[in-house]
């Protein structure tokens, strides 16, 4: 578990089993809207794939590392090591949503 959250989690749930009970009950209950979105995404994009990968990302100094930098590194690494299919990547998008070229 992330040490950053340990103190707060311990205050909220003094018994460790209680944490998993509440997480399971409230986050993964089938009627939960978030779970419905996850299920929909899985069915639409992942259910019929032949291969799946997992990526672990560690950011040692999140305060000084912009999210875009992290995402660019992840994309670069996955393409370099051929973890993702080579497809035509779209040009950089402007804030208006129009493609810049």
PDB file of N, CA and C in Angstrom:
ATOM      1  N   UNK A   1       0.837  -1.171   0.000  1.00  0.00           N
ATOM      2  CA  UNK A   1       0.000   0.000   0.000  1.00  0.00           C
ATOM      3  C   UNK A   1       0.886   1.239   0.000  1.00  0.00           C
ATOM      4  N   UNK A   2       0.398   2.288  -0.615  1.00  0.00           N
ATOM      5  CA  UNK A   2       1.135   3.533  -0.717  1.00  0.00           C
ATOM      6  C   UNK A   2       1.317   4.151   0.665  1.00  0.00           C
ATOM      7  N   UNK A   3       2.562   4.390   1.101  1.00  0.00           N
ATOM      8  CA  UNK A   3       2.816   4.946   2.432  1.00  0.00           C
ATOM      9  C   UNK A   3       2.147   6.304   2.652  1.00  0.00           C
ATOM     10  N   UNK A   4       1.954   7.058   1.596  1.00  0.00           N
ATOM     11  CA  UNK A   4       1.326   8.371   1.694  1.00  0.00           C
ATOM     12  C   UNK A   4      -0.077   8.263   2.289  1.00  0.00           C
ATOM     13  N   UNK A   5      -0.794   7.190   1.960  1.00  0.00           N
ATOM     14  CA  UNK A   5      -2.168   7.035   2.401  1.00  0.00           C
ATOM     15  C   UNK A   5      -2.310   6.187   3.662  1.00  0.00           C
ATOM     16  N   UNK A   6      -1.252   5.541   4.103  1.00  0.00           N
ATOM     17  CA  UNK A   6      -1.340   4.632   5.245  1.00  0.00           C
ATOM     18  C   UNK A   6      -1.940   5.270   6.489  1.00  0.00           C
ATOM     19  N   UNK A   7      -1.502   6.475   6.835  1.00  0.00           N
ATOM     20  CA  UNK A   7      -1.986   7.131   8.056  1.00  0.00           C
ATOM     21  C   UNK A   7      -3.486   7.393   7.955  1.00  0.00           C
ATOM     22  N   UNK A   8      -3.920   7.952   6.832  1.00  0.00           N
ATOM     23  CA  UNK A   8      -5.347   8.264   6.668  1.00  0.00           C
ATOM     24  C   UNK A   8      -6.195   7.000   6.619  1.00  0.00           C
ATOM     25  N   UNK A   9      -5.729   5.993   5.903  1.00  0.00           N
ATOM     26  CA  UNK A   9      -6.472   4.735   5.814  1.00  0.00           C
ATOM     27  C   UNK A   9      -6.593   4.087   7.192  1.00  0.00           C
ATOM     28  N   UNK A  10      -5.516   4.110   7.957  1.00  0.00           N
ATOM     29  CA  UNK A  10      -5.530   3.522   9.298  1.00  0.00           C
ATOM     30  C   UNK A  10      -6.519   4.254  10.195  1.00  0.00           C
ATOM     31  N   UNK A  11      -6.603   5.581  10.069  1.00  0.00           N
ATOM     32  CA  UNK A  11      -7.583   6.344  10.844  1.00  0.00           C
ATOM     33  C   UNK A  11      -9.013   5.969  10.447  1.00  0.00           C
ATOM     34  N   UNK A  12      -9.244   5.834   9.147  1.00  0.00           N
ATOM     35  CA  UNK A  12     -10.595   5.538   8.661  1.00  0.00           C
ATOM     36  C   UNK A  12     -10.992   4.099   8.938  1.00  0.00           C
ATOM     37  N   UNK A  13     -10.031   3.170   8.804  1.00  0.00           N
ATOM     38  CA  UNK A  13     -10.322   1.748   8.934  1.00  0.00           C
ATOM     39  C   UNK A  13      -9.288   1.099   9.846  1.00  0.00           C
ATOM     40  N   UNK A  14      -9.504   1.120  11.172  1.00  0.00           N
ATOM     41  CA  UNK A  14      -8.520   0.540  12.083  1.00  0.00           C
ATOM     42  C   UNK A  14      -8.295  -0.956  11.856  1.00  0.00           C
ATOM     43  N   UNK A  15      -9.310  -1.654  11.361  1.00  0.00           N
ATOM     44  CA  UNK A  15      -9.156  -3.079  11.052  1.00  0.00           C
ATOM     45  C   UNK A  15      -8.927  -3.219   9.546  1.00  0.00           C
ATOM     46  N   UNK A  16      -7.851  -3.883   9.184  1.00  0.00           N
ATOM     47  CA  UNK A  16      -7.487  -3.964   7.765  1.00  0.00           C
ATOM     48  C   UNK A  16      -8.563  -4.626   6.909  1.00  0.00           C
ATOM     49  N   UNK A  17      -9.244  -5.630   7.436  1.00  0.00           N
ATOM     50  CA  UNK A  17     -10.281  -6.304   6.650  1.00  0.00           C
ATOM     51  C   UNK A  17     -11.407  -5.351   6.268  1.00  0.00           C
ATOM     52  N   UNK A  18     -11.649  -4.343   7.087  1.00  0.00           N
ATOM     53  CA  UNK A  18     -12.721  -3.388   6.826  1.00  0.00           C
ATOM     54  C   UNK A  18     -12.457  -2.597   5.553  1.00  0.00           C
ATOM     55  N   UNK A  19     -11.195  -2.267   5.292  1.00  0.00           N
ATOM     56  CA  UNK A  19     -10.848  -1.523   4.084  1.00  0.00           C
ATOM     57  C   UNK A  19     -11.314  -2.271   2.852  1.00  0.00           C
ATOM     58  N   UNK A  20     -10.974  -3.536   2.754  1.00  0.00           N
ATOM     59  CA  UNK A  20     -11.324  -4.310   1.566  1.00  0.00           C
ATOM     60  C   UNK A  20     -12.824  -4.538   1.463  1.00  0.00           C
ATOM     61  N   UNK A  21     -13.490  -4.676   2.594  1.00  0.00           N
ATOM     62  CA  UNK A  21     -14.944  -4.825   2.577  1.00  0.00           C
ATOM     63  C   UNK A  21     -15.585  -3.581   1.956  1.00  0.00           C
ATOM     64  N   UNK A  22     -15.188  -2.400   2.442  1.00  0.00           N
ATOM     65  CA  UNK A  22     -15.794  -1.165   1.939  1.00  0.00           C
ATOM     66  C   UNK A  22     -15.393  -0.862   0.500  1.00  0.00           C
ATOM     67  N   UNK A  23     -14.140  -1.102   0.162  1.00  0.00           N
ATOM     68  CA  UNK A  23     -13.729  -0.886  -1.230  1.00  0.00           C
ATOM     69  C   UNK A  23     -14.520  -1.785  -2.176  1.00  0.00           C
ATOM     70  N   UNK A  24     -14.615  -3.044  -1.804  1.00  0.00           N
ATOM     71  CA  UNK A  24     -15.370  -3.979  -2.631  1.00  0.00           C
ATOM     72  C   UNK A  24     -16.840  -3.630  -2.709  1.00  0.00           C
ATOM     73  N   UNK A  25     -17.397  -3.223  -1.594  1.00  0.00           N
ATOM     74  CA  UNK A  25     -18.825  -2.929  -1.544  1.00  0.00           C
ATOM     75  C   UNK A  25     -19.184  -1.665  -2.307  1.00  0.00           C
ATOM     76  N   UNK A  26     -18.407  -0.601  -2.140  1.00  0.00           N
ATOM     77  CA  UNK A  26     -18.783   0.681  -2.716  1.00  0.00           C
ATOM     78  C   UNK A  26     -18.154   0.989  -4.066  1.00  0.00           C
ATOM     79  N   UNK A  27     -16.974   0.472  -4.328  1.00  0.00           N
ATOM     80  CA  UNK A  27     -16.324   0.778  -5.600  1.00  0.00           C
ATOM     81  C   UNK A  27     -16.657  -0.224  -6.694  1.00  0.00           C
ATOM     82  N   UNK A  28     -16.856  -1.479  -6.316  1.00  0.00           N
ATOM     83  CA  UNK A  28     -17.025  -2.510  -7.332  1.00  0.00           C
ATOM     84  C   UNK A  28     -18.416  -3.129  -7.345  1.00  0.00           C
ATOM     85  N   UNK A  29     -19.358  -2.512  -6.671  1.00  0.00           N
ATOM     86  CA  UNK A  29     -20.721  -3.026  -6.679  1.00  0.00           C
ATOM     87  C   UNK A  29     -21.285  -2.862  -8.090  1.00  0.00           C
ATOM     88  N   UNK A  30     -21.930  -3.884  -8.619  1.00  0.00           N
ATOM     89  CA  UNK A  30     -22.402  -3.812 -10.013  1.00  0.00           C
ATOM     90  C   UNK A  30     -23.316  -2.629 -10.326  1.00  0.00           C
ATOM     91  N   UNK A  31     -24.009  -2.081  -9.340  1.00  0.00           N
ATOM     92  CA  UNK A  31     -24.892  -0.953  -9.642  1.00  0.00           C
ATOM     93  C   UNK A  31     -24.152   0.386  -9.625  1.00  0.00           C
ATOM     94  N   UNK A  32     -22.895   0.370  -9.250  1.00  0.00           N
ATOM     95  CA  UNK A  32     -22.100   1.590  -9.196  1.00  0.00           C
ATOM     96  C   UNK A  32     -21.865   2.111 -10.614  1.00  0.00           C
ATOM     97  N   UNK A  33     -22.109   3.416 -10.832  1.00  0.00           N
ATOM     98  CA  UNK A  33     -21.940   3.989 -12.171  1.00  0.00           C
ATOM     99  C   UNK A  33     -20.523   3.823 -12.712  1.00  0.00           C
ATOM    100  N   UNK A  34     -19.539   3.973 -11.854  1.00  0.00           N
ATOM    101  CA  UNK A  34     -18.146   3.817 -12.300  1.00  0.00           C
ATOM    102  C   UNK A  34     -17.896   2.396 -12.786  1.00  0.00           C
ATOM    103  N   UNK A  35     -18.414   1.416 -12.071  1.00  0.00           N
ATOM    104  CA  UNK A  35     -18.226   0.023 -12.470  1.00  0.00           C
ATOM    105  C   UNK A  35     -18.925  -0.250 -13.793  1.00  0.00           C
ATOM    106  N   UNK A  36     -20.073   0.384 -14.015  1.00  0.00           N
ATOM    107  CA  UNK A  36     -20.771   0.224 -15.297  1.00  0.00           C
ATOM    108  C   UNK A  36     -19.915   0.756 -16.436  1.00  0.00           C
ATOM    109  N   UNK A  37     -19.243   1.901 -16.214  1.00  0.00           N
ATOM    110  CA  UNK A  37     -18.364   2.448 -17.245  1.00  0.00           C
ATOM    111  C   UNK A  37     -17.179   1.527 -17.516  1.00  0.00           C
ATOM    112  N   UNK A  38     -16.603   0.979 -16.451  1.00  0.00           N
ATOM    113  CA  UNK A  38     -15.490   0.044 -16.615  1.00  0.00           C
ATOM    114  C   UNK A  38     -15.952  -1.181 -17.398  1.00  0.00           C
ATOM    115  N   UNK A  39     -17.108  -1.719 -17.034  1.00  0.00           N
ATOM    116  CA  UNK A  39     -17.650  -2.897 -17.730  1.00  0.00           C
ATOM    117  C   UNK A  39     -17.912  -2.589 -19.197  1.00  0.00           C
ATOM    118  N   UNK A  40     -18.491  -1.418 -19.462  1.00  0.00           N
ATOM    119  CA  UNK A  40     -18.774  -1.043 -20.846  1.00  0.00           C
ATOM    120  C   UNK A  40     -17.476  -0.939 -21.642  1.00  0.00           C
ATOM    121  N   UNK A  41     -16.471  -0.264 -21.077  1.00  0.00           N
ATOM    122  CA  UNK A  41     -15.198  -0.101 -21.772  1.00  0.00           C
ATOM    123  C   UNK A  41     -14.564  -1.458 -22.052  1.00  0.00           C
ATOM    124  N   UNK A  42     -14.595  -2.335 -21.050  1.00  0.00           N
ATOM    125  CA  UNK A  42     -14.024  -3.675 -21.218  1.00  0.00           C
ATOM    126  C   UNK A  42     -14.726  -4.403 -22.373  1.00  0.00           C
ATOM    127  N   UNK A  43     -16.048  -4.404 -22.357  1.00  0.00           N
ATOM    128  CA  UNK A  43     -16.791  -5.112 -23.401  1.00  0.00           C
ATOM    129  C   UNK A  43     -16.533  -4.507 -24.785  1.00  0.00           C
ATOM    130  N   UNK A  44     -16.452  -3.180 -24.842  1.00  0.00           N
ATOM    131  CA  UNK A  44     -16.278  -2.503 -26.127  1.00  0.00           C
ATOM    132  C   UNK A  44     -14.866  -2.646 -26.693  1.00  0.00           C
ATOM    133  N   UNK A  45     -13.850  -2.668 -25.825  1.00  0.00           N
ATOM    134  CA  UNK A  45     -12.481  -2.578 -26.328  1.00  0.00           C
ATOM    135  C   UNK A  45     -11.561  -3.738 -25.961  1.00  0.00           C
ATOM    136  N   UNK A  46     -11.860  -4.490 -24.925  1.00  0.00           N
ATOM    137  CA  UNK A  46     -10.902  -5.481 -24.445  1.00  0.00           C
ATOM    138  C   UNK A  46     -11.394  -6.924 -24.459  1.00  0.00           C
ATOM    139  N   UNK A  47     -12.674  -7.138 -24.461  1.00  0.00           N
ATOM    140  CA  UNK A  47     -13.215  -8.489 -24.291  1.00  0.00           C
ATOM    141  C   UNK A  47     -12.734  -9.470 -25.365  1.00  0.00           C
ATOM    142  N   UNK A  48     -12.573  -8.999 -26.575  1.00  0.00           N
ATOM    143  CA  UNK A  48     -12.239  -9.909 -27.672  1.00  0.00           C
ATOM    144  C   UNK A  48     -10.800  -9.805 -28.172  1.00  0.00           C
ATOM    145  N   UNK A  49      -9.923  -9.180 -27.408  1.00  0.00           N
ATOM    146  CA  UNK A  49      -8.542  -9.057 -27.854  1.00  0.00           C
ATOM    147  C   UNK A  49      -7.795 -10.363 -27.618  1.00  0.00           C
ATOM    148  N   UNK A  50      -6.767 -10.577 -28.415  1.00  0.00           N
ATOM    149  CA  UNK A  50      -6.001 -11.821 -28.284  1.00  0.00           C
ATOM    150  C   UNK A  50      -4.828 -11.692 -27.317  1.00  0.00           C
ATOM    151  N   UNK A  51      -4.409 -10.458 -27.040  1.00  0.00           N
ATOM    152  CA  UNK A  51      -3.268 -10.234 -26.151  1.00  0.00           C
ATOM    153  C   UNK A  51      -3.538  -9.021 -25.281  1.00  0.00           C
ATOM    154  N   UNK A  52      -3.033  -9.069 -24.035  1.00  0.00           N
ATOM    155  CA  UNK A  52      -3.147  -7.929 -23.126  1.00  0.00           C
ATOM    156  C   UNK A  52      -1.791  -7.704 -22.476  1.00  0.00           C
ATOM    157  N   UNK A  53      -1.508  -6.443 -22.185  1.00  0.00           N
ATOM    158  CA  UNK A  53      -0.276  -6.110 -21.484  1.00  0.00           C
ATOM    159  C   UNK A  53      -0.624  -5.271 -20.260  1.00  0.00           C
ATOM    160  N   UNK A  54       0.289  -5.253 -19.313  1.00  0.00           N
ATOM    161  CA  UNK A  54       0.161  -4.380 -18.150  1.00  0.00           C
ATOM    162  C   UNK A  54       1.400  -3.520 -18.059  1.00  0.00           C
ATOM    163  N   UNK A  55       1.223  -2.294 -17.648  1.00  0.00           N
ATOM    164  CA  UNK A  55       2.352  -1.373 -17.536  1.00  0.00           C
ATOM    165  C   UNK A  55       2.350  -0.801 -16.121  1.00  0.00           C
ATOM    166  N   UNK A  56       3.489  -0.883 -15.472  1.00  0.00           N
ATOM    167  CA  UNK A  56       3.636  -0.266 -14.161  1.00  0.00           C
ATOM    168  C   UNK A  56       4.410   1.027 -14.345  1.00  0.00           C
ATOM    169  N   UNK A  57       3.857   2.121 -13.825  1.00  0.00           N
ATOM    170  CA  UNK A  57       4.475   3.434 -13.975  1.00  0.00           C
ATOM    171  C   UNK A  57       4.850   3.942 -12.589  1.00  0.00           C
ATOM    172  N   UNK A  58       6.101   4.332 -12.425  1.00  0.00           N
ATOM    173  CA  UNK A  58       6.556   4.913 -11.164  1.00  0.00           C
ATOM    174  C   UNK A  58       7.062   6.325 -11.434  1.00  0.00           C
ATOM    175  N   UNK A  59       6.520   7.268 -10.705  1.00  0.00           N
ATOM    176  CA  UNK A  59       6.965   8.656 -10.788  1.00  0.00           C
ATOM    177  C   UNK A  59       7.540   8.997  -9.423  1.00  0.00           C
ATOM    178  N   UNK A  60       8.839   9.239  -9.358  1.00  0.00           N
ATOM    179  CA  UNK A  60       9.499   9.429  -8.078  1.00  0.00           C
ATOM    180  C   UNK A  60       9.308  10.830  -7.508  1.00  0.00           C
ATOM    181  N   UNK A  61       9.034  11.804  -8.362  1.00  0.00           N
ATOM    182  CA  UNK A  61       8.785  13.158  -7.866  1.00  0.00           C
ATOM    183  C   UNK A  61       7.602  13.742  -8.641  1.00  0.00           C
ATOM    184  N   UNK A  62       6.367  13.347  -8.267  1.00  0.00           N
ATOM    185  CA  UNK A  62       5.190  13.794  -9.011  1.00  0.00           C
ATOM    186  C   UNK A  62       5.017  15.310  -9.038  1.00  0.00           C
ATOM    187  N   UNK A  63       5.477  16.003  -8.006  1.00  0.00           N
ATOM    188  CA  UNK A  63       5.304  17.452  -7.955  1.00  0.00           C
ATOM    189  C   UNK A  63       6.085  18.163  -9.056  1.00  0.00           C
ATOM    190  N   UNK A  64       7.224  17.622  -9.439  1.00  0.00           N
ATOM    191  CA  UNK A  64       8.043  18.294 -10.455  1.00  0.00           C
ATOM    192  C   UNK A  64       8.012  17.583 -11.811  1.00  0.00           C
ATOM    193  N   UNK A  65       7.183  16.556 -11.946  1.00  0.00           N
ATOM    194  CA  UNK A  65       7.094  15.829 -13.213  1.00  0.00           C
ATOM    195  C   UNK A  65       5.706  16.020 -13.806  1.00  0.00           C
ATOM    196  N   UNK A  66       5.585  16.822 -14.867  1.00  0.00           N
ATOM    197  CA  UNK A  66       4.267  17.035 -15.478  1.00  0.00           C
ATOM    198  C   UNK A  66       3.679  15.727 -16.011  1.00  0.00           C
ATOM    199  N   UNK A  67       2.366  15.602 -15.920  1.00  0.00           N
ATOM    200  CA  UNK A  67       1.693  14.394 -16.380  1.00  0.00           C
ATOM    201  C   UNK A  67       1.952  14.148 -17.863  1.00  0.00           C
ATOM    202  N   UNK A  68       1.988  15.199 -18.657  1.00  0.00           N
ATOM    203  CA  UNK A  68       2.242  15.025 -20.089  1.00  0.00           C
ATOM    204  C   UNK A  68       3.608  14.386 -20.329  1.00  0.00           C
ATOM    205  N   UNK A  69       4.597  14.771 -19.538  1.00  0.00           N
ATOM    206  CA  UNK A  69       5.934  14.189 -19.663  1.00  0.00           C
ATOM    207  C   UNK A  69       5.889  12.690 -19.388  1.00  0.00           C
ATOM    208  N   UNK A  70       5.176  12.314 -18.344  1.00  0.00           N
ATOM    209  CA  UNK A  70       5.048  10.890 -18.000  1.00  0.00           C
ATOM    210  C   UNK A  70       4.349  10.149 -19.135  1.00  0.00           C
ATOM    211  N   UNK A  71       3.258  10.691 -19.636  1.00  0.00           N
ATOM    212  CA  UNK A  71       2.522  10.014 -20.705  1.00  0.00           C
ATOM    213  C   UNK A  71       3.356   9.919 -21.982  1.00  0.00           C
ATOM    214  N   UNK A  72       4.113  10.962 -22.292  1.00  0.00           N
ATOM    215  CA  UNK A  72       4.986  10.916 -23.469  1.00  0.00           C
ATOM    216  C   UNK A  72       6.047   9.825 -23.321  1.00  0.00           C
ATOM    217  N   UNK A  73       6.609   9.687 -22.119  1.00  0.00           N
ATOM    218  CA  UNK A  73       7.603   8.639 -21.874  1.00  0.00           C
ATOM    219  C   UNK A  73       6.993   7.246 -22.002  1.00  0.00           C
ATOM    220  N   UNK A  74       5.791   7.073 -21.473  1.00  0.00           N
ATOM    221  CA  UNK A  74       5.113   5.778 -21.561  1.00  0.00           C
ATOM    222  C   UNK A  74       4.844   5.434 -23.021  1.00  0.00           C
ATOM    223  N   UNK A  75       4.302   6.380 -23.769  1.00  0.00           N
ATOM    224  CA  UNK A  75       4.021   6.134 -25.185  1.00  0.00           C
ATOM    225  C   UNK A  75       5.300   5.831 -25.952  1.00  0.00           C
ATOM    226  N   UNK A  76       6.346   6.598 -25.716  1.00  0.00           N
ATOM    227  CA  UNK A  76       7.624   6.381 -26.387  1.00  0.00           C
ATOM    228  C   UNK A  76       8.175   4.987 -26.093  1.00  0.00           C
ATOM    229  N   UNK A  77       8.130   4.593 -24.827  1.00  0.00           N
ATOM    230  CA  UNK A  77       8.655   3.287 -24.424  1.00  0.00           C
ATOM    231  C   UNK A  77       7.848   2.145 -25.045  1.00  0.00           C
ATOM    232  N   UNK A  78       6.523   2.274 -25.018  1.00  0.00           N
ATOM    233  CA  UNK A  78       5.699   1.192 -25.569  1.00  0.00           C
ATOM    234  C   UNK A  78       5.887   1.057 -27.071  1.00  0.00           C
ATOM    235  N   UNK A  79       6.081   2.160 -27.755  1.00  0.00           N
ATOM    236  CA  UNK A  79       6.330   2.085 -29.200  1.00  0.00           C
ATOM    237  C   UNK A  79       7.729   1.555 -29.491  1.00  0.00           C
ATOM    238  N   UNK A  80       8.721   1.995 -28.727  1.00  0.00           N
ATOM    239  CA  UNK A  80      10.104   1.557 -28.923  1.00  0.00           C
ATOM    240  C   UNK A  80      10.241   0.048 -28.755  1.00  0.00           C
ATOM    241  N   UNK A  81       9.576  -0.490 -27.735  1.00  0.00           N
ATOM    242  CA  UNK A  81       9.671  -1.917 -27.451  1.00  0.00           C
ATOM    243  C   UNK A  81       8.568  -2.733 -28.131  1.00  0.00           C
ATOM    244  N   UNK A  82       7.838  -2.073 -29.031  1.00  0.00           N
ATOM    245  CA  UNK A  82       6.801  -2.710 -29.842  1.00  0.00           C
ATOM    246  C   UNK A  82       5.731  -3.409 -28.997  1.00  0.00           C
ATOM    247  N   UNK A  83       5.335  -2.739 -27.892  1.00  0.00           N
ATOM    248  CA  UNK A  83       4.258  -3.252 -27.058  1.00  0.00           C
ATOM    249  C   UNK A  83       2.895  -2.853 -27.606  1.00  0.00           C
ATOM    250  N   UNK A  84       2.875  -1.784 -28.393  1.00  0.00           N
ATOM    251  CA  UNK A  84       1.648  -1.328 -29.030  1.00  0.00           C
ATOM    252  C   UNK A  84       1.813  -1.469 -30.537  1.00  0.00           C
ATOM    253  N   UNK A  85       0.722  -1.680 -31.242  1.00  0.00           N
ATOM    254  CA  UNK A  85       0.828  -1.780 -32.702  1.00  0.00           C
ATOM    255  C   UNK A  85       1.233  -0.438 -33.300  1.00  0.00           C
ATOM    256  N   UNK A  86       1.970  -0.505 -34.399  1.00  0.00           N
ATOM    257  CA  UNK A  86       2.370   0.717 -35.080  1.00  0.00           C
ATOM    258  C   UNK A  86       1.199   1.201 -35.908  1.00  0.00           C
ATOM    259  N   UNK A  87       0.641   2.312 -35.476  1.00  0.00           N
ATOM    260  CA  UNK A  87      -0.488   2.902 -36.195  1.00  0.00           C
ATOM    261  C   UNK A  87      -0.143   4.348 -36.476  1.00  0.00           C
ATOM    262  N   UNK A  88      -0.884   4.958 -37.367  1.00  0.00           N
ATOM    263  CA  UNK A  88      -0.662   6.373 -37.636  1.00  0.00           C
ATOM    264  C   UNK A  88      -1.115   7.189 -36.445  1.00  0.00           C
ATOM    265  N   UNK A  89      -0.163   7.815 -35.758  1.00  0.00           N
ATOM    266  CA  UNK A  89      -0.512   8.637 -34.604  1.00  0.00           C
ATOM    267  C   UNK A  89      -1.003   9.989 -35.093  1.00  0.00           C
ATOM    268  N   UNK A  90      -2.082  10.507 -34.469  1.00  0.00           N
ATOM    269  CA  UNK A  90      -2.591  11.818 -34.902  1.00  0.00           C
ATOM    270  C   UNK A  90      -1.595  12.921 -34.579  1.00  0.00           C
ATOM    271  N   UNK A  91      -1.673  14.009 -35.354  1.00  0.00           N
ATOM    272  CA  UNK A  91      -0.830  15.172 -35.073  1.00  0.00           C
ATOM    273  C   UNK A  91      -1.227  15.753 -33.730  1.00  0.00           C
ATOM    274  N   UNK A  92      -0.392  16.599 -33.182  1.00  0.00           N
ATOM    275  CA  UNK A  92      -0.684  17.264 -31.916  1.00  0.00           C
ATOM    276  C   UNK A  92      -1.971  18.049 -32.057  1.00  0.00           C
ATOM    277  N   UNK A  93      -2.836  17.941 -31.045  1.00  0.00           N
ATOM    278  CA  UNK A  93      -4.106  18.645 -31.074  1.00  0.00           C
ATOM    279  C   UNK A  93      -3.965  19.979 -30.357  1.00  0.00           C
ATOM    280  N   UNK A  94      -4.591  21.010 -30.899  1.00  0.00           N
ATOM    281  CA  UNK A  94      -4.604  22.292 -30.208  1.00  0.00           C
ATOM    282  C   UNK A  94      -5.722  22.295 -29.184  1.00  0.00           C
ATOM    283  N   UNK A  95      -5.797  23.323 -28.365  1.00  0.00           N
ATOM    284  CA  UNK A  95      -6.828  23.399 -27.335  1.00  0.00           C
ATOM    285  C   UNK A  95      -8.219  23.525 -27.934  1.00  0.00           C
ATOM    286  N   UNK A  96      -8.330  23.902 -29.197  1.00  0.00           N
ATOM    287  CA  UNK A  96      -9.644  24.015 -29.837  1.00  0.00           C
ATOM    288  C   UNK A  96     -10.103  22.684 -30.399  1.00  0.00           C
ATOM    289  N   UNK A  97      -9.228  21.700 -30.375  1.00  0.00           N
ATOM    290  CA  UNK A  97      -9.587  20.381 -30.902  1.00  0.00           C
ATOM    291  C   UNK A  97      -9.254  20.227 -32.368  1.00  0.00           C
ATOM    292  N   UNK A  98      -8.709  21.273 -33.003  1.00  0.00           N
ATOM    293  CA  UNK A  98      -8.351  21.190 -34.413  1.00  0.00           C
ATOM    294  C   UNK A  98      -6.912  20.701 -34.526  1.00  0.00           C
ATOM    295  N   UNK A  99      -6.669  19.865 -35.514  1.00  0.00           N
ATOM    296  CA  UNK A  99      -5.342  19.306 -35.706  1.00  0.00           C
ATOM    297  C   UNK A  99      -4.394  20.374 -36.210  1.00  0.00           C
ATOM    298  N   UNK A 100      -3.230  20.426 -35.554  1.00  0.00           N
ATOM    299  CA  UNK A 100      -2.173  21.322 -36.028  1.00  0.00           C
ATOM    300  C   UNK A 100      -1.217  20.505 -36.875  1.00  0.00           C
ATOM    301  N   UNK A 101      -0.726  21.018 -37.915  1.00  0.00           N
ATOM    302  CA  UNK A 101       0.137  20.225 -38.742  1.00  0.00           C
ATOM    303  C   UNK A 101       1.275  20.940 -39.195  1.00  0.00           C
TER     304      UNK A 101
END
